[in-house]
C-alpha atoms as a PDB file:
ATOM      1  CA  MET A   1      86.257  74.710 110.464  1.00  0.00           C
ATOM      2  CA  THR A   2      89.292  74.688 108.361  1.00  0.00           C
ATOM      3  CA  GLU A   3      90.188  78.130 107.158  1.00  0.00           C
ATOM      4  CA  THR A   4      90.094  78.732 103.115  1.00  0.00           C
ATOM      5  CA  PRO A   5      93.820  79.001 101.923  1.00  0.00           C
ATOM      6  CA  LEU A   6      94.493  82.719 100.888  1.00  0.00           C
ATOM      7  CA  TRP A   7      95.063  81.939  97.227  1.00  0.00           C
ATOM      8  CA  LEU A   8      91.073  80.578  96.921  1.00  0.00           C
ATOM      9  CA  GLN A   9      89.980  83.572  98.783  1.00  0.00           C
ATOM     10  CA  GLY A  10      90.240  85.743  95.849  1.00  0.00           C
ATOM     11  CA  ARG A  11      92.714  88.307  94.085  1.00  0.00           C
ATOM     12  CA  GLU A  12      91.652  91.355  96.686  1.00  0.00           C
ATOM     13  CA  ALA A  13      92.580  89.024  99.578  1.00  0.00           C
ATOM     14  CA  VAL A  14      95.796  88.121  98.522  1.00  0.00           C
ATOM     15  CA  ILE A  15      96.251  92.235  97.526  1.00  0.00           C
ATOM     16  CA  ALA A  16      95.233  93.068 100.984  1.00  0.00           C
ATOM     17  CA  ALA A  17      97.643  90.287 102.991  1.00  0.00           C
ATOM     18  CA  ALA A  18     100.386  91.404 101.050  1.00  0.00           C
ATOM     19  CA  PRO A  19     102.800  93.615 102.629  1.00  0.00           C
ATOM     20  CA  GLU A  20     103.680  96.986 100.527  1.00  0.00           C
ATOM     21  CA  GLU A  21     107.096  95.794  99.688  1.00  0.00           C
ATOM     22  CA  VAL A  22     106.336  93.023  97.428  1.00  0.00           C
ATOM     23  CA  TRP A  23     104.873  95.410  94.671  1.00  0.00           C
ATOM     24  CA  ARG A  24     107.160  96.375  91.678  1.00  0.00           C
ATOM     25  CA  ALA A  25     105.689 100.032  91.789  1.00  0.00           C
ATOM     26  CA  GLU A  26     102.287 100.737  93.873  1.00  0.00           C
ATOM     27  CA  THR A  27      99.338  98.278  95.101  1.00  0.00           C
ATOM     28  CA  PRO A  28      97.698  97.133  92.134  1.00  0.00           C
ATOM     29  CA  ASP A  29      93.737  98.344  91.260  1.00  0.00           C
ATOM     30  CA  TYR A  30      91.445  96.201  89.742  1.00  0.00           C
ATOM     31  CA  HIS A  31      88.596  99.014  90.261  1.00  0.00           C
ATOM     32  CA  PHE A  32      87.640  98.205  86.462  1.00  0.00           C
ATOM     33  CA  SER A  33      87.199  94.673  87.260  1.00  0.00           C
ATOM     34  CA  HIS A  34      84.804  95.438  89.508  1.00  0.00           C
ATOM     35  CA  GLU A  35      83.068  98.333  87.521  1.00  0.00           C
ATOM     36  CA  ILE A  36      82.979  97.557  83.623  1.00  0.00           C
ATOM     37  CA  MET A  37      83.985  93.519  83.273  1.00  0.00           C
ATOM     38  CA  PRO A  38      80.489  92.643  85.231  1.00  0.00           C
ATOM     39  CA  GLY A  39      78.606  93.807  82.415  1.00  0.00           C
ATOM     40  CA  GLN A  40      81.043  92.726  79.614  1.00  0.00           C
ATOM     41  CA  ARG A  41      81.499  88.994  80.436  1.00  0.00           C
ATOM     42  CA  THR A  42      79.701  86.359  79.120  1.00  0.00           C
ATOM     43  CA  ALA A  43      79.614  83.344  81.552  1.00  0.00           C
ATOM     44  CA  THR A  44      78.696  83.387  85.281  1.00  0.00           C
ATOM     45  CA  PHE A  45      78.991  80.813  87.663  1.00  0.00           C
ATOM     46  CA  ASP A  46      78.145  80.462  91.277  1.00  0.00           C
ATOM     47  CA  PRO A  47      80.654  81.036  94.356  1.00  0.00           C
ATOM     48  CA  GLY A  48      82.302  77.936  95.124  1.00  0.00           C
ATOM     49  CA  SER A  49      81.687  76.017  92.057  1.00  0.00           C
ATOM     50  CA  LEU A  50      84.751  74.808  89.933  1.00  0.00           C
ATOM     51  CA  GLU A  51      84.726  77.781  87.618  1.00  0.00           C
ATOM     52  CA  ALA A  52      84.337  80.106  89.788  1.00  0.00           C
ATOM     53  CA  VAL A  53      87.750  78.878  91.607  1.00  0.00           C
ATOM     54  CA  VAL A  54      89.357  78.031  88.691  1.00  0.00           C
ATOM     55  CA  GLU A  55      88.776  81.786  87.563  1.00  0.00           C
ATOM     56  CA  GLY A  56      89.919  83.060  91.160  1.00  0.00           C
ATOM     57  CA  ILE A  57      93.183  80.847  91.072  1.00  0.00           C
ATOM     58  CA  VAL A  58      93.955  82.168  87.436  1.00  0.00           C
ATOM     59  CA  GLN A  59      92.905  86.208  88.577  1.00  0.00           C
ATOM     60  CA  VAL A  60      95.429  85.720  91.645  1.00  0.00           C
ATOM     61  CA  PHE A  61      98.354  84.216  89.108  1.00  0.00           C
ATOM     62  CA  GLU A  62      97.986  86.842  86.986  1.00  0.00           C
ATOM     63  CA  MET A  63      98.279  89.672  89.800  1.00  0.00           C
ATOM     64  CA  GLU A  64     101.333  87.975  91.303  1.00  0.00           C
ATOM     65  CA  VAL A  65     103.227  87.506  88.117  1.00  0.00           C
ATOM     66  CA  SER A  66     102.684  90.915  86.988  1.00  0.00           C
ATOM     67  CA  HIS A  67     102.744  92.985  90.068  1.00  0.00           C
ATOM     68  CA  LYS A  68     105.075  91.003  93.057  1.00  0.00           C
ATOM     69  CA  LYS A  69     108.986  91.134  92.069  1.00  0.00           C
ATOM     70  CA  ASP A  70     109.960  88.149  94.112  1.00  0.00           C
ATOM     71  CA  PRO A  71     108.837  84.626  92.781  1.00  0.00           C
ATOM     72  CA  ALA A  72     108.846  83.741  96.739  1.00  0.00           C
ATOM     73  CA  THR A  73     106.113  85.588  97.900  1.00  0.00           C
ATOM     74  CA  TRP A  74     103.717  84.221  94.919  1.00  0.00           C
ATOM     75  CA  VAL A  75     100.996  82.337  96.940  1.00  0.00           C
ATOM     76  CA  SER A  76      99.195  80.774  93.738  1.00  0.00           C
ATOM     77  CA  MET A  77     101.865  78.371  92.502  1.00  0.00           C
ATOM     78  CA  VAL A  78     104.552  75.969  93.932  1.00  0.00           C
ATOM     79  CA  THR A  79     107.171  78.228  92.912  1.00  0.00           C
ATOM     80  CA  GLU A  80     109.848  75.862  92.801  1.00  0.00           C
ATOM     81  CA  HIS A  81     108.070  73.530  90.643  1.00  0.00           C
ATOM     82  CA  PHE A  82     106.486  75.796  88.332  1.00  0.00           C
ATOM     83  CA  ARG A  83     106.751  76.077  84.476  1.00  0.00           C
ATOM     84  CA  THR A  84     104.540  77.354  81.508  1.00  0.00           C
ATOM     85  CA  ARG A  85     104.294  77.359  78.226  1.00  0.00           C
ATOM     86  CA  VAL A  86     102.265  78.348  75.059  1.00  0.00           C
ATOM     87  CA  ASN A  87     101.116  76.329  72.208  1.00  0.00           C
ATOM     88  CA  GLY A  88     104.080  73.531  72.912  1.00  0.00           C
ATOM     89  CA  GLY A  89     107.015  76.080  72.973  1.00  0.00           C
ATOM     90  CA  ALA A  90     109.961  76.235  75.360  1.00  0.00           C
ATOM     91  CA  TRP A  91     108.743  75.532  78.931  1.00  0.00           C
ATOM     92  CA  ALA A  92     109.482  78.841  80.971  1.00  0.00           C
ATOM     93  CA  SER A  93     110.310  78.981  85.069  1.00  0.00           C
ATOM     94  CA  ALA A  94     108.960  81.502  87.508  1.00  0.00           C
ATOM     95  CA  GLN A  95     112.365  83.215  87.519  1.00  0.00           C
ATOM     96  CA  ASP A  96     111.741  83.251  83.377  1.00  0.00           C
ATOM     97  CA  ILE A  97     108.867  85.030  84.083  1.00  0.00           C
ATOM     98  CA  VAL A  98     110.447  87.901  86.674  1.00  0.00           C
ATOM     99  CA  GLU A  99     113.404  88.019  83.871  1.00  0.00           C
ATOM    100  CA  GLN A 100     111.391  88.273  80.607  1.00  0.00           C
ATOM    101  CA  GLY A 101     107.747  89.133  81.672  1.00  0.00           C
ATOM    102  CA  SER A 102     104.729  87.347  81.668  1.00  0.00           C
ATOM    103  CA  TYR A 103     103.209  89.219  78.601  1.00  0.00           C
ATOM    104  CA  ASN A 104     106.289  88.491  76.708  1.00  0.00           C
ATOM    105  CA  ILE A 105     106.281  85.037  77.568  1.00  0.00           C
ATOM    106  CA  LEU A 106     102.559  84.519  76.952  1.00  0.00           C
ATOM    107  CA  VAL A 107     102.744  86.178  73.157  1.00  0.00           C
ATOM    108  CA  GLY A 108     105.856  84.682  72.355  1.00  0.00           C
ATOM    109  CA  ASP A 109     107.273  85.495  69.420  1.00  0.00           C
ATOM    110  CA  SER A 110     104.624  87.607  66.943  1.00  0.00           C
ATOM    111  CA  ALA A 111     105.175  89.943  64.178  1.00  0.00           C
ATOM    112  CA  PHE A 112     102.665  92.041  65.549  1.00  0.00           C
ATOM    113  CA  TYR A 113     104.200  92.326  68.862  1.00  0.00           C
ATOM    114  CA  PRO A 114     107.177  94.478  69.648  1.00  0.00           C
ATOM    115  CA  ASN A 115     110.544  93.643  71.482  1.00  0.00           C
ATOM    116  CA  VAL A 116     110.280  95.274  74.449  1.00  0.00           C
ATOM    117  CA  ASP A 117     111.316  94.560  78.232  1.00  0.00           C
ATOM    118  CA  PHE A 118     108.757  93.425  81.339  1.00  0.00           C
ATOM    119  CA  ASP A 119     107.568  97.053  82.359  1.00  0.00           C
ATOM    120  CA  GLY A 120     107.207  97.692  78.374  1.00  0.00           C
ATOM    121  CA  SER A 121     105.131  94.933  77.854  1.00  0.00           C
ATOM    122  CA  HIS A 122     102.819  96.110  80.311  1.00  0.00           C
ATOM    123  CA  GLU A 123     102.651  99.308  79.484  1.00  0.00           C
ATOM    124  CA  VAL A 124     101.732  98.456  75.377  1.00  0.00           C
ATOM    125  CA  PHE A 125      98.267  96.724  76.780  1.00  0.00           C
ATOM    126  CA  HIS A 126      97.770  99.127  79.162  1.00  0.00           C
ATOM    127  CA  ASP A 127      97.951 102.001  76.611  1.00  0.00           C
ATOM    128  CA  ALA A 128      95.639  99.496  74.495  1.00  0.00           C
ATOM    129  CA  PHE A 129      92.669  98.926  76.807  1.00  0.00           C
ATOM    130  CA  PRO A 130      93.000 101.885  78.982  1.00  0.00           C
ATOM    131  CA  ARG A 131      89.785 100.619  80.481  1.00  0.00           C
ATOM    132  CA  GLY A 132      90.755  97.179  81.404  1.00  0.00           C
ATOM    133  CA  PHE A 133      91.750  94.089  79.674  1.00  0.00           C
ATOM    134  CA  PHE A 134      89.774  91.527  80.971  1.00  0.00           C
ATOM    135  CA  TRP A 135      89.716  87.699  81.327  1.00  0.00           C
ATOM    136  CA  GLU A 136      87.284  85.307  82.360  1.00  0.00           C
ATOM    137  CA  VAL A 137      86.689  80.827  82.313  1.00  0.00           C
ATOM    138  CA  LEU A 138      83.945  80.064  79.840  1.00  0.00           C
ATOM    139  CA  GLU A 139      84.050  76.229  80.758  1.00  0.00           C
ATOM    140  CA  VAL A 140      86.089  73.721  83.069  1.00  0.00           C
ATOM    141  CA  LEU A 141      86.397  70.542  81.067  1.00  0.00           C
ATOM    142  CA  THR A 142      88.371  68.437  83.442  1.00  0.00           C
ATOM    143  CA  PRO A 143      88.549  68.640  87.258  1.00  0.00           C
ATOM    144  CA  PRO A 144      91.659  68.674  89.528  1.00  0.00           C
ATOM    145  CA  PRO A 145      94.465  67.462  89.281  1.00  0.00           C
ATOM    146  CA  VAL A 146      94.589  68.342  85.662  1.00  0.00           C
ATOM    147  CA  VAL A 147      92.255  71.243  85.122  1.00  0.00           C
ATOM    148  CA  THR A 148      91.482  71.783  81.471  1.00  0.00           C
ATOM    149  CA  PHE A 149      89.264  74.863  80.539  1.00  0.00           C
ATOM    150  CA  LYS A 150      88.202  77.397  78.111  1.00  0.00           C
ATOM    151  CA  TRP A 151      88.616  81.204  78.234  1.00  0.00           C
ATOM    152  CA  ARG A 152      87.925  84.431  76.986  1.00  0.00           C
ATOM    153  CA  HIS A 153      90.608  87.445  77.045  1.00  0.00           C
ATOM    154  CA  TRP A 154      88.768  90.989  75.967  1.00  0.00           C
ATOM    155  CA  GLY A 155      88.977  94.562  76.005  1.00  0.00           C
ATOM    156  CA  SER A 156      88.110  97.834  74.457  1.00  0.00           C
ATOM    157  CA  PHE A 157      90.594  99.033  71.901  1.00  0.00           C
ATOM    158  CA  GLU A 158      90.181 102.599  73.136  1.00  0.00           C
ATOM    159  CA  GLY A 159      94.326 103.376  73.310  1.00  0.00           C
ATOM    160  CA  GLU A 160      97.168 103.259  71.106  1.00  0.00           C
ATOM    161  CA  TYR A 161      99.118 100.058  70.253  1.00  0.00           C
ATOM    162  CA  VAL A 162     102.543 100.765  69.136  1.00  0.00           C
ATOM    163  CA  GLY A 163     101.439 103.558  66.962  1.00  0.00           C
ATOM    164  CA  HIS A 164      97.891 101.891  65.678  1.00  0.00           C
ATOM    165  CA  LYS A 165      95.284 104.428  66.091  1.00  0.00           C
ATOM    166  CA  PRO A 166      92.598 102.925  67.991  1.00  0.00           C
ATOM    167  CA  ASP A 167      88.857 102.005  66.812  1.00  0.00           C
ATOM    168  CA  GLY A 168      86.846 101.651  70.290  1.00  0.00           C
ATOM    169  CA  LYS A 169      85.630  98.235  69.131  1.00  0.00           C
ATOM    170  CA  LEU A 170      85.673  95.091  71.524  1.00  0.00           C
ATOM    171  CA  VAL A 171      88.733  92.884  70.822  1.00  0.00           C
ATOM    172  CA  GLU A 172      88.595  89.397  72.182  1.00  0.00           C
ATOM    173  CA  MET A 173      90.552  86.396  72.066  1.00  0.00           C
ATOM    174  CA  PHE A 174      89.745  82.793  72.949  1.00  0.00           C
ATOM    175  CA  GLY A 175      92.053  79.883  74.230  1.00  0.00           C
ATOM    176  CA  VAL A 176      92.664  76.606  76.187  1.00  0.00           C
ATOM    177  CA  SER A 177      94.510  76.007  78.855  1.00  0.00           C
ATOM    178  CA  ILE A 178      95.571  72.854  80.594  1.00  0.00           C
ATOM    179  CA  ALA A 179      96.762  73.043  84.475  1.00  0.00           C
ATOM    180  CA  LYS A 180      98.179  70.991  86.838  1.00  0.00           C
ATOM    181  CA  VAL A 181      97.674  71.690  90.767  1.00  0.00           C
ATOM    182  CA  SER A 182      98.787  70.413  93.863  1.00  0.00           C
ATOM    183  CA  ASP A 183      96.545  68.474  96.218  1.00  0.00           C
ATOM    184  CA  ASP A 184      95.979  72.070  97.844  1.00  0.00           C
ATOM    185  CA  LEU A 185      95.048  73.655  94.617  1.00  0.00           C
ATOM    186  CA  LYS A 186      98.695  75.413  93.565  1.00  0.00           C
ATOM    187  CA  LEU A 187      99.467  75.562  90.333  1.00  0.00           C
ATOM    188  CA  LEU A 188     102.646  73.406  89.502  1.00  0.00           C
ATOM    189  CA  GLU A 189     102.246  73.729  85.476  1.00  0.00           C
ATOM    190  CA  VAL A 190     100.105  75.834  83.041  1.00  0.00           C
ATOM    191  CA  GLU A 191     100.085  75.162  79.248  1.00  0.00           C
ATOM    192  CA  HIS A 192      98.114  77.803  77.142  1.00  0.00           C
ATOM    193  CA  PHE A 193      96.849  77.104  73.382  1.00  0.00           C
ATOM    194  CA  TYR A 194      95.649  80.082  71.579  1.00  0.00           C
ATOM    195  CA  ASP A 195      96.187  82.092  68.278  1.00  0.00           C
ATOM    196  CA  PRO A 196      98.260  84.898  69.636  1.00  0.00           C
ATOM    197  CA  ASN A 197      98.088  86.746  65.753  1.00  0.00           C
ATOM    198  CA  ALA A 198      94.874  86.836  65.301  1.00  0.00           C
ATOM    199  CA  PHE A 199      94.250  88.814  68.238  1.00  0.00           C
ATOM    200  CA  LEU A 200      97.139  91.332  67.765  1.00  0.00           C
ATOM    201  CA  GLY A 201      96.440  91.411  64.052  1.00  0.00           C
ATOM    202  CA  LYS A 202      92.994  93.285  65.313  1.00  0.00           C
ATOM    203  CA  LEU A 203      94.934  95.937  67.142  1.00  0.00           C
ATOM    204  CA  THR A 204      97.280  96.242  64.011  1.00  0.00           C
ATOM    205  CA  GLY A 205      94.908  96.101  60.997  1.00  0.00           C
ATOM    206  CA  GLY A 206      96.720  93.020  60.146  1.00  0.00           C
ATOM    207  CA  CYS A 207     100.095  95.103  59.751  1.00  0.00           C
ATOM    208  CA  PRO A 208     102.926  93.169  60.973  1.00  0.00           C
ATOM    209  CA  ILE A 209     104.857  95.595  63.540  1.00  0.00           C
ATOM    210  CA  ALA A 210     108.359  96.455  62.074  1.00  0.00           C
ATOM    211  CA  ARG A 211     110.914  94.925  64.460  1.00  0.00           C
END
């Protein structure tokens, strides 16, 4: 019987298999994803279904680009070939993600988003969503090797966002992504399509941040 590859075993398995020295800071902790997310998600899928597999791969990817400092240790992708972009913009490589920050690349240039470095970009959202900023697959439209899927990203706005006071409300955004994957389901290329301003505007009351 063939063993399931590590990157398909889930985020917690990848974290457990990684040595301490790979992390930017401490080992990531996703306890809110286990405690809060199940009661707030809108779609559930059977283990082993294509939807569950896609969600698991994206969760591993997000964890790695956020917390592992060396792309050579990222198991969710074929690092030397990987590239990503948002809304048809410029492509970013794995090294670009390390240097610029995954959140900075995924948000792009927005009047509602501050000019911050890698660590600052994570602090911005950790401050705004202190009890977690969750993500789920809603629907998978096409199977590998080109996987098109709809998703939802959400959290309770309970902390300050760049000087803007929280209102405690659930804030959510929706998008579509297209991922090209290898034969063993590692990511080769990911394109995201969504409106970051519609989401960020909810955190600022529609008032652009002075840049």
